[in-house]
């Protein structure tokens, strides 16, 4: 199977974190610069990308989409948000996942797997506050439109913070690095299947967390919006023991990421996406 390129993942994160002012909802031109970069890469990989636009706080925002096997009625969604929280580079949250999204899109179109379903790659805007848990989230805009179009979505993955992992220096208790599959009990079979697929290549471990459907802290990312329309969805997040200490801080910078483990994570997610059924 074709593999992710560590150097390319680094280059994607490097570009996104270099955008100034920071790509939060106030800086629309910065978000447009990120969206243009994502679209240009989709085109380079051989896709015909398109955009989904909406208005929030009198500004226009965009999701960037690319579809593999668009003729297939069954769709699997792989998504990641490209906006950041407040004034920070957002290397792990969430440039790491956008980089992973782009690499997996490249891998899929290069590999051309014969699948019974198509894959929609979506870069979302407005995942972060003040729009989180509102109907102005890019993922809500997409999920609602898919439902209205009666799309047959067989599953959705929201990638979050897949670049930070514990190393010998910051891991005195030798805690294991792995990928968490986080969802709700309503879709536990789906959650379990994805976790097993992530483990199958044998390059990074996975654990699944299926919370009660009405648990207060359910759905801390874009996957939450698909549940409302009865689409199964999970968040896949990288972790090193107790998570990323740089979360939503200015210190969330590229030098804190582990691109060796991140490459393994991307390869495992790509395997799961291409072997779902």
Protein backbone atom coordinates (compact mmCIF):
# COMPACT_ATOMS: atom_id res chain seq x y z
CA UNK A 1 0.00 0.00 0.00
CA UNK A 2 1.11 3.53 -0.73
CA UNK A 3 2.39 5.41 2.33
CA UNK A 4 2.18 8.93 3.70
CA UNK A 5 5.19 11.20 3.24
CA UNK A 6 6.53 12.64 6.48
CA UNK A 7 8.20 15.52 4.66
CA UNK A 8 4.95 16.49 2.94
CA UNK A 9 3.01 16.39 6.21
CA UNK A 10 5.59 18.75 7.69
CA UNK A 11 5.33 21.10 4.71
CA UNK A 12 1.54 21.31 5.02
CA UNK A 13 1.71 22.10 8.73
CA UNK A 14 4.53 24.58 8.13
CA UNK A 15 2.48 26.49 5.57
CA UNK A 16 -0.72 26.62 7.61
CA UNK A 17 1.03 27.72 10.79
CA UNK A 18 2.91 30.43 8.88
CA UNK A 19 -0.30 32.25 7.91
CA UNK A 20 -0.55 35.60 9.66
CA UNK A 21 -2.70 36.99 11.10
CA UNK A 22 -3.84 33.71 12.62
CA UNK A 23 -6.57 31.78 10.84
CA UNK A 24 -9.38 32.42 13.32
CA UNK A 25 -12.88 33.57 12.39
CA UNK A 26 -11.97 37.25 12.67
CA UNK A 27 -9.27 36.98 10.01
CA UNK A 28 -11.28 36.03 6.93
CA UNK A 29 -8.43 36.66 4.49
CA UNK A 30 -6.21 34.25 6.42
CA UNK A 31 -8.93 31.61 6.30
CA UNK A 32 -9.24 32.20 2.55
CA UNK A 33 -5.50 31.73 2.18
CA UNK A 34 -5.75 28.39 3.97
CA UNK A 35 -8.77 27.37 1.88
CA UNK A 36 -6.95 28.27 -1.34
CA UNK A 37 -3.96 26.17 -0.29
CA UNK A 38 -6.20 23.18 0.46
CA UNK A 39 -8.04 23.55 -2.85
CA UNK A 40 -4.79 23.87 -4.82
CA UNK A 41 -3.50 20.64 -3.30
CA UNK A 42 -6.72 18.77 -4.02
CA UNK A 43 -6.37 19.87 -7.65
CA UNK A 44 -2.75 18.78 -7.72
CA UNK A 45 -3.83 15.30 -6.59
CA UNK A 46 -6.27 15.03 -9.50
CA UNK A 47 -9.55 16.02 -7.83
CA UNK A 48 -12.12 18.58 -8.92
CA UNK A 49 -12.61 20.37 -5.60
CA UNK A 50 -15.52 22.62 -4.82
CA UNK A 51 -16.58 24.94 -2.02
CA UNK A 52 -19.59 25.24 0.22
CA UNK A 53 -20.23 28.76 1.51
CA UNK A 54 -22.41 30.35 4.19
CA UNK A 55 -22.68 33.57 6.15
CA UNK A 56 -21.83 34.00 9.84
CA UNK A 57 -21.48 37.33 11.61
CA UNK A 58 -21.84 39.07 8.22
CA UNK A 59 -18.78 37.29 6.77
CA UNK A 60 -18.62 34.49 4.22
CA UNK A 61 -16.92 31.25 5.25
CA UNK A 62 -16.12 28.13 3.25
CA UNK A 63 -15.78 24.39 3.44
CA UNK A 64 -13.43 22.91 0.83
CA UNK A 65 -14.48 19.53 -0.56
CA UNK A 66 -13.03 16.89 -2.88
CA UNK A 67 -14.72 13.62 -3.82
CA UNK A 68 -13.26 10.24 -4.75
CA UNK A 69 -15.63 8.12 -6.84
CA UNK A 70 -18.32 10.83 -6.83
CA UNK A 71 -20.60 8.56 -8.84
CA UNK A 72 -21.03 6.17 -5.89
CA UNK A 73 -24.24 6.62 -3.92
CA UNK A 74 -22.73 5.45 -0.63
CA UNK A 75 -20.38 8.07 0.86
CA UNK A 76 -17.74 7.96 3.57
CA UNK A 77 -16.60 11.33 4.96
CA UNK A 78 -13.13 12.22 6.20
CA UNK A 79 -12.96 15.73 7.60
CA UNK A 80 -10.76 18.17 9.52
CA UNK A 81 -11.25 21.82 10.46
CA UNK A 82 -8.73 24.42 9.33
CA UNK A 83 -9.64 27.34 11.59
CA UNK A 84 -7.87 28.00 14.92
CA UNK A 85 -8.85 29.14 18.39
CA UNK A 86 -8.05 32.80 19.06
CA UNK A 87 -4.46 34.03 18.54
CA UNK A 88 -2.29 30.98 17.90
CA UNK A 89 -0.68 28.98 15.12
CA UNK A 90 -2.69 25.84 15.85
CA UNK A 91 -0.04 23.33 14.76
CA UNK A 92 -1.74 20.34 16.36
CA UNK A 93 -5.20 21.94 16.55
CA UNK A 94 -5.74 21.51 13.73
CA UNK A 95 -3.07 21.95 11.05
CA UNK A 96 -1.87 18.42 11.81
CA UNK A 97 -5.23 16.96 10.78
CA UNK A 98 -5.55 19.14 7.67
CA UNK A 99 -2.12 17.85 6.65
CA UNK A 100 -3.35 14.32 7.27
CA UNK A 101 -6.51 14.99 5.26
CA UNK A 102 -4.46 16.20 2.29
CA UNK A 103 -2.05 13.28 2.45
CA UNK A 104 -4.83 10.70 2.65
CA UNK A 105 -6.59 12.36 -0.29
CA UNK A 106 -3.35 12.08 -2.28
CA UNK A 107 -2.87 8.45 -1.24
CA UNK A 108 -6.43 7.47 -2.16
CA UNK A 109 -6.35 9.08 -5.59
CA UNK A 110 -2.92 7.63 -6.32
CA UNK A 111 -3.85 4.16 -5.09
CA UNK A 112 -7.31 4.18 -6.76
CA UNK A 113 -8.81 1.50 -4.49
CA UNK A 114 -11.83 -0.33 -5.88
CA UNK A 115 -14.45 0.52 -3.28
CA UNK A 116 -18.20 0.06 -3.07
CA UNK A 117 -18.42 3.60 -1.67
CA UNK A 118 -17.02 7.01 -2.45
CA UNK A 119 -14.97 9.17 -0.10
CA UNK A 120 -15.59 12.85 0.51
CA UNK A 121 -12.63 14.80 1.86
CA UNK A 122 -13.82 17.93 3.65
CA UNK A 123 -11.83 20.79 5.18
CA UNK A 124 -14.25 22.55 7.53
CA UNK A 125 -14.27 26.13 8.74
CA UNK A 126 -15.70 27.49 12.03
CA UNK A 127 -15.21 24.51 14.30
CA UNK A 128 -13.76 26.66 17.07
CA UNK A 129 -15.58 29.05 19.45
CA UNK A 130 -17.60 31.21 19.22
CA UNK A 131 -19.31 28.97 16.65
CA UNK A 132 -18.76 25.61 18.35
CA UNK A 133 -22.09 23.87 19.12
CA UNK A 134 -23.95 26.24 16.78
CA UNK A 135 -25.55 25.79 13.38
CA UNK A 136 -22.86 28.01 11.84
CA UNK A 137 -20.18 25.31 12.17
CA UNK A 138 -18.97 24.23 8.76
CA UNK A 139 -19.63 20.61 9.64
CA UNK A 140 -23.25 21.41 10.55
CA UNK A 141 -23.68 23.23 7.24
CA UNK A 142 -22.42 20.14 5.40
CA UNK A 143 -24.29 17.55 7.47
CA UNK A 144 -27.58 19.41 7.05
CA UNK A 145 -27.09 19.77 3.28
CA UNK A 146 -26.23 16.06 2.96
CA UNK A 147 -29.40 15.15 4.84
CA UNK A 148 -31.51 17.46 2.69
CA UNK A 149 -30.02 15.85 -0.42
CA UNK A 150 -30.76 12.41 1.06
CA UNK A 151 -27.13 11.35 0.78
CA UNK A 152 -26.33 7.83 1.94
CA UNK A 153 -23.49 8.58 4.38
CA UNK A 154 -22.22 5.29 5.80
CA UNK A 155 -19.78 6.91 8.21
CA UNK A 156 -17.81 10.00 9.11
CA UNK A 157 -14.40 10.60 10.71
CA UNK A 158 -13.40 13.95 12.17
CA UNK A 159 -9.63 14.12 12.57
CA UNK A 160 -8.44 16.21 15.50
CA UNK A 161 -4.95 16.91 16.77
CA UNK A 162 -3.14 13.92 15.28
CA UNK A 163 0.38 15.37 15.60
CA UNK A 164 1.32 15.50 19.29
CA UNK A 165 2.69 12.42 21.04
CA UNK A 166 4.75 11.66 24.12
CA UNK A 167 8.49 11.13 23.75
CA UNK A 168 11.12 9.95 26.22
CA UNK A 169 11.71 13.54 27.39
CA UNK A 170 8.09 14.37 28.22
CA UNK A 171 6.91 10.89 29.17
CA UNK A 172 8.44 9.91 32.52
CA UNK A 173 5.79 7.22 33.11
CA UNK A 174 6.36 5.68 29.68
CA UNK A 175 2.71 6.11 28.70
CA UNK A 176 1.79 4.56 25.38
CA UNK A 177 0.97 6.59 22.28
CA UNK A 178 -2.22 5.63 20.48
CA UNK A 179 -5.22 6.91 18.52
CA UNK A 180 -8.50 7.43 20.33
CA UNK A 181 -11.77 6.74 18.52
CA UNK A 182 -14.34 8.84 20.37
CA UNK A 183 -18.07 8.53 19.77
CA UNK A 184 -21.39 7.60 21.34
CA UNK A 185 -23.00 4.30 22.28
CA UNK A 186 -25.66 4.68 19.59
CA UNK A 187 -22.94 3.99 17.04
CA UNK A 188 -20.76 1.66 19.11
CA UNK A 189 -20.55 -0.97 16.35
CA UNK A 190 -19.23 1.69 13.98
CA UNK A 191 -16.79 2.98 16.61
CA UNK A 192 -15.51 -0.52 17.33
CA UNK A 193 -15.08 -1.36 13.65
CA UNK A 194 -12.99 1.76 13.02
CA UNK A 195 -10.83 1.16 16.08
CA UNK A 196 -10.12 -2.37 14.89
CA UNK A 197 -9.25 -1.14 11.40
CA UNK A 198 -6.81 1.42 12.84
CA UNK A 199 -5.00 -1.35 14.70
CA UNK A 200 -4.80 -3.72 11.75
CA UNK A 201 -1.67 -2.30 10.05
CA UNK A 202 0.16 -2.83 13.36
CA UNK A 203 1.92 0.54 13.39
CA UNK A 204 -0.04 2.40 16.08
CA UNK A 205 -2.53 1.24 18.71
CA UNK A 206 -6.11 2.45 19.07
CA UNK A 207 -8.67 2.71 21.85
CA UNK A 208 -12.36 3.44 21.50
CA UNK A 209 -14.48 5.54 23.81
CA UNK A 210 -18.24 5.23 23.36
CA UNK A 211 -19.96 7.64 25.71
CA UNK A 212 -23.60 7.69 26.71
CA UNK A 213 -25.62 9.39 23.99
CA UNK A 214 -26.63 12.24 26.31
CA UNK A 215 -23.25 12.66 28.04
CA UNK A 216 -22.61 16.36 28.62
CA UNK A 217 -19.18 16.48 26.95
CA UNK A 218 -20.05 14.36 23.92
CA UNK A 219 -18.85 15.43 20.52
CA UNK A 220 -16.00 17.90 21.07
CA UNK A 221 -15.46 18.24 17.32
CA UNK A 222 -17.13 18.21 13.90
CA UNK A 223 -18.49 14.66 14.14
CA UNK A 224 -21.19 15.86 16.58
CA UNK A 225 -23.18 17.51 13.81
CA UNK A 226 -23.67 14.27 11.86
CA UNK A 227 -25.38 12.54 14.78
CA UNK A 228 -28.29 14.98 14.56
CA UNK A 229 -29.05 13.63 11.08
CA UNK A 230 -28.57 9.97 12.08
CA UNK A 231 -25.18 9.59 10.42
CA UNK A 232 -22.55 7.60 12.37
CA UNK A 233 -19.52 9.73 13.19
CA UNK A 234 -16.43 9.64 15.37
CA UNK A 235 -13.51 11.81 16.30
CA UNK A 236 -10.07 10.32 15.84
CA UNK A 237 -7.55 12.12 18.02
CA UNK A 238 -3.89 11.43 18.64
CA UNK A 239 -2.75 11.28 22.22
CA UNK A 240 0.33 10.73 24.28
CA UNK A 241 -0.89 9.66 27.67
CA UNK A 242 -2.83 12.65 29.00
CA UNK A 243 -3.19 14.60 25.77
CA UNK A 244 -1.53 17.75 24.46
CA UNK A 245 -0.48 20.30 27.11
CA UNK A 246 -0.33 22.96 24.37
CA UNK A 247 -4.04 22.66 23.55
CA UNK A 248 -5.55 26.11 22.82
CA UNK A 249 -2.30 27.82 23.81
CA UNK A 250 0.23 29.93 21.91
CA UNK A 251 2.72 27.12 22.47
CA UNK A 252 0.84 24.86 20.00
CA UNK A 253 3.67 25.15 17.49
CA UNK A 254 5.17 22.90 14.86
CA UNK A 255 8.28 22.00 16.86
CA UNK A 256 6.07 20.25 19.47
CA UNK A 257 4.78 17.69 16.94
CA UNK A 258 6.17 14.22 16.34
CA UNK A 259 6.06 13.65 12.59
CA UNK A 260 7.30 10.07 12.79
CA UNK A 261 4.34 8.93 14.89
CA UNK A 262 2.03 11.28 13.01
CA UNK A 263 2.99 9.56 9.75
CA UNK A 264 2.09 6.20 11.27
CA UNK A 265 -1.24 7.67 12.42
CA UNK A 266 -2.01 8.97 8.93
CA UNK A 267 -1.16 5.59 7.39
CA UNK A 268 -3.49 3.83 9.84
CA UNK A 269 -6.35 6.26 9.21
CA UNK A 270 -5.85 5.91 5.44
CA UNK A 271 -6.04 2.11 5.81
CA UNK A 272 -9.28 2.38 7.79
CA UNK A 273 -10.87 4.73 5.26
CA UNK A 274 -9.94 2.48 2.34
CA UNK A 275 -11.04 -0.75 4.03
CA UNK A 276 -14.22 0.26 5.78
CA UNK A 277 -16.46 -2.36 4.20
